[in-house]
Amino acid sequence: MRKIIMNKKFLVAVGVCLSVAGGMALKNHISTKASDSSFEINGMNVSIQKCEGKSQEIMEEDIDETISNEVITLEEQGHNYEIGDVIETEHGDFVPMVKEIDNETAYNAFGGITSKSGKNYVIVVKSEKELTQDDLETVAETVKNQVK
C-alpha cells in the first residue's frame, strides 16, 4: 500500500513542478474556474468544481491544475508550502498541503469524487487546523450526498 501512496505523491509532485514551470511561462494565460458550490462543515471551508468530462484522467488533471494554480500563487507571493502524502478516504483521495502565510499556518486538501451519476468533481478543503483523515472522510461523504 505504501508503494502506491509514494507513486501518487511522486506523480503529483512531478505534475506540480511541470505545471509551475509552464505556468510561469504562460502566467497571463492561466484561467481559474469559479467553484460550483461552497459551504462550511466543522470549521472547514469546502468548494466543489464540476469537471468538464467524466473520465478519471480528466478529474486527475483538474485536481493537478488546481494544486498547480495554488502553488504558483504561493510561489509568486513568496510563501512557504509543503505537499504531504495522499490521504485516502472511502469516497476519494486527497492531497494535503500546509502553507505559511504571514506567520500563520493554513491547511488545504485537494481531492476528487465521482457522483452516483458518474460526474466528477474537484474538492478543495481549507482549514485553520490540521486536516485529518476523519475530517476528509466527513467532507467526502457530505459532498457525495450533495452532488447528483
Protein backbone atom coordinates (compact mmCIF):
# COMPACT_ATOMS: atom_id res chain seq x y z
CA MET A 1 0.00 0.00 0.00
CA ARG A 2 2.82 2.42 0.80
CA LYS A 3 4.25 1.99 -2.69
CA ILE A 4 1.00 3.25 -4.26
CA ILE A 5 0.93 6.31 -1.99
CA MET A 6 4.51 7.20 -2.85
CA ASN A 7 3.81 6.78 -6.56
CA LYS A 8 0.79 9.09 -6.37
CA LYS A 9 2.79 11.64 -4.38
CA PHE A 10 5.62 11.44 -6.89
CA LEU A 11 3.24 11.93 -9.81
CA VAL A 12 1.57 14.88 -8.09
CA ALA A 13 4.98 16.41 -7.35
CA VAL A 14 6.09 15.98 -10.97
CA GLY A 15 2.80 17.41 -12.20
CA VAL A 16 3.13 20.37 -9.85
CA CYS A 17 6.73 21.04 -10.95
CA LEU A 18 5.84 20.86 -14.62
CA SER A 19 2.77 23.00 -14.13
CA VAL A 20 4.70 25.59 -12.15
CA ALA A 21 7.33 25.83 -14.89
CA GLY A 22 4.71 26.00 -17.62
CA GLY A 23 2.54 28.31 -15.55
CA MET A 24 5.33 30.79 -15.07
CA ALA A 25 5.95 30.86 -18.80
CA LEU A 26 2.25 31.30 -19.52
CA LYS A 27 1.46 33.33 -16.41
CA ASN A 28 -1.07 35.58 -18.09
CA HIS A 29 -2.91 32.75 -19.80
CA ILE A 30 -3.92 30.77 -16.72
CA SER A 31 -7.64 30.78 -16.16
CA THR A 32 -9.16 29.97 -12.82
CA LYS A 33 -12.52 28.34 -12.54
CA ALA A 34 -15.12 29.55 -10.09
CA SER A 35 -16.46 26.92 -7.76
CA ASP A 36 -19.87 25.43 -8.45
CA SER A 37 -20.67 25.32 -4.77
CA SER A 38 -19.03 26.14 -1.49
CA PHE A 39 -20.04 25.56 2.09
CA GLU A 40 -18.63 25.19 5.59
CA ILE A 41 -18.60 22.00 7.62
CA ASN A 42 -17.00 21.56 11.05
CA GLY A 43 -14.94 24.74 10.60
CA MET A 44 -13.64 23.68 7.16
CA ASN A 45 -14.38 25.67 4.01
CA VAL A 46 -15.23 23.32 1.16
CA SER A 47 -15.56 24.24 -2.51
CA ILE A 48 -16.70 21.94 -5.30
CA GLN A 49 -16.00 22.33 -9.02
CA LYS A 50 -17.60 20.06 -11.63
CA CYS A 51 -15.09 18.58 -14.07
CA GLU A 52 -15.60 19.02 -17.81
CA GLY A 53 -15.51 15.31 -18.61
CA LYS A 54 -16.45 12.06 -16.95
CA SER A 55 -13.14 10.21 -17.22
CA GLN A 56 -10.91 9.59 -14.22
CA GLU A 57 -7.96 11.05 -16.13
CA ILE A 58 -9.73 14.39 -16.68
CA MET A 59 -10.60 14.59 -12.98
CA GLU A 60 -6.97 13.89 -12.04
CA GLU A 61 -5.81 16.59 -14.49
CA ASP A 62 -8.28 19.06 -12.98
CA ILE A 63 -7.02 18.25 -9.47
CA ASP A 64 -3.41 18.68 -10.63
CA GLU A 65 -4.30 22.01 -12.26
CA THR A 66 -5.99 23.20 -9.06
CA ILE A 67 -2.93 22.27 -6.98
CA SER A 68 -0.60 23.86 -9.54
CA ASN A 69 -2.54 27.13 -9.53
CA GLU A 70 -2.30 27.22 -5.72
CA VAL A 71 1.45 26.51 -5.86
CA ILE A 72 2.03 29.22 -8.48
CA THR A 73 0.14 31.76 -6.37
CA LEU A 74 2.08 30.82 -3.23
CA GLU A 75 5.44 30.98 -5.01
CA GLU A 76 4.66 34.32 -6.66
CA GLN A 77 3.81 35.73 -3.23
CA GLY A 78 6.90 34.17 -1.61
CA HIS A 79 5.01 31.92 0.83
CA ASN A 80 6.24 28.55 2.07
CA TYR A 81 4.23 25.40 1.49
CA GLU A 82 4.57 21.64 1.74
CA ILE A 83 2.61 18.95 -0.07
CA GLY A 84 2.01 15.83 2.02
CA ASP A 85 1.27 12.18 1.39
CA VAL A 86 -2.05 11.28 -0.19
CA ILE A 87 -4.84 10.74 2.34
CA GLU A 88 -7.22 8.00 1.25
CA THR A 89 -10.93 8.10 2.10
CA GLU A 90 -13.78 5.78 1.23
CA HIS A 91 -15.03 8.13 -1.50
CA GLY A 92 -11.78 9.56 -2.88
CA ASP A 93 -8.18 10.53 -2.24
CA PHE A 94 -6.95 13.94 -1.06
CA VAL A 95 -3.57 15.64 -1.44
CA PRO A 96 -2.88 17.72 1.68
CA MET A 97 -0.96 21.00 1.67
CA VAL A 98 0.39 23.01 4.59
CA LYS A 99 1.19 26.64 3.87
CA GLU A 100 2.58 29.54 5.85
CA ILE A 101 1.23 32.99 5.12
CA ASP A 102 2.21 35.96 7.28
CA ASN A 103 3.43 33.66 10.09
CA GLU A 104 0.09 31.84 10.10
CA THR A 105 -0.31 28.18 9.16
CA ALA A 106 -3.19 27.12 6.95
CA TYR A 107 -4.19 23.68 5.75
CA ASN A 108 -5.64 22.69 2.38
CA ALA A 109 -6.56 19.39 0.81
CA PHE A 110 -7.32 18.77 -2.85
CA GLY A 111 -9.33 15.77 -3.97
CA GLY A 112 -11.86 14.40 -6.36
CA ILE A 113 -15.09 12.49 -6.17
CA THR A 114 -17.37 10.75 -8.64
CA SER A 115 -21.11 11.13 -8.15
CA LYS A 116 -23.61 8.30 -8.44
CA SER A 117 -24.44 9.53 -11.95
CA GLY A 118 -20.77 9.34 -12.99
CA LYS A 119 -19.99 13.08 -12.91
CA ASN A 120 -16.60 14.05 -11.48
CA TYR A 121 -15.93 16.90 -9.07
CA VAL A 122 -12.80 18.54 -7.70
CA ILE A 123 -12.96 19.30 -3.98
CA VAL A 124 -10.83 21.91 -2.21
CA VAL A 125 -10.86 21.93 1.58
CA LYS A 126 -9.39 24.84 3.57
CA SER A 127 -8.95 24.92 7.32
CA GLU A 128 -7.09 26.72 10.08
CA LYS A 129 -6.48 23.37 11.81
CA GLU A 130 -4.67 20.33 10.52
CA LEU A 131 -6.89 18.16 8.34
CA THR A 132 -7.22 14.54 9.44
CA GLN A 133 -8.44 11.50 7.57
CA ASP A 134 -11.67 11.69 9.60
CA ASP A 135 -12.17 15.33 8.54
CA LEU A 136 -11.70 14.43 4.89
CA GLU A 137 -13.99 11.37 5.23
CA THR A 138 -16.69 13.73 6.53
CA VAL A 139 -16.13 16.16 3.65
CA ALA A 140 -16.12 13.39 1.01
CA GLU A 141 -19.29 11.83 2.40
CA THR A 142 -21.05 15.21 2.58
CA VAL A 143 -20.05 16.09 -0.99
CA LYS A 144 -21.05 12.63 -2.25
CA ASN A 145 -24.52 13.15 -0.76
CA GLN A 146 -24.79 16.68 -2.22
CA VAL A 147 -23.84 16.02 -5.83
CA LYS A 148 -26.11 14.16 -8.24
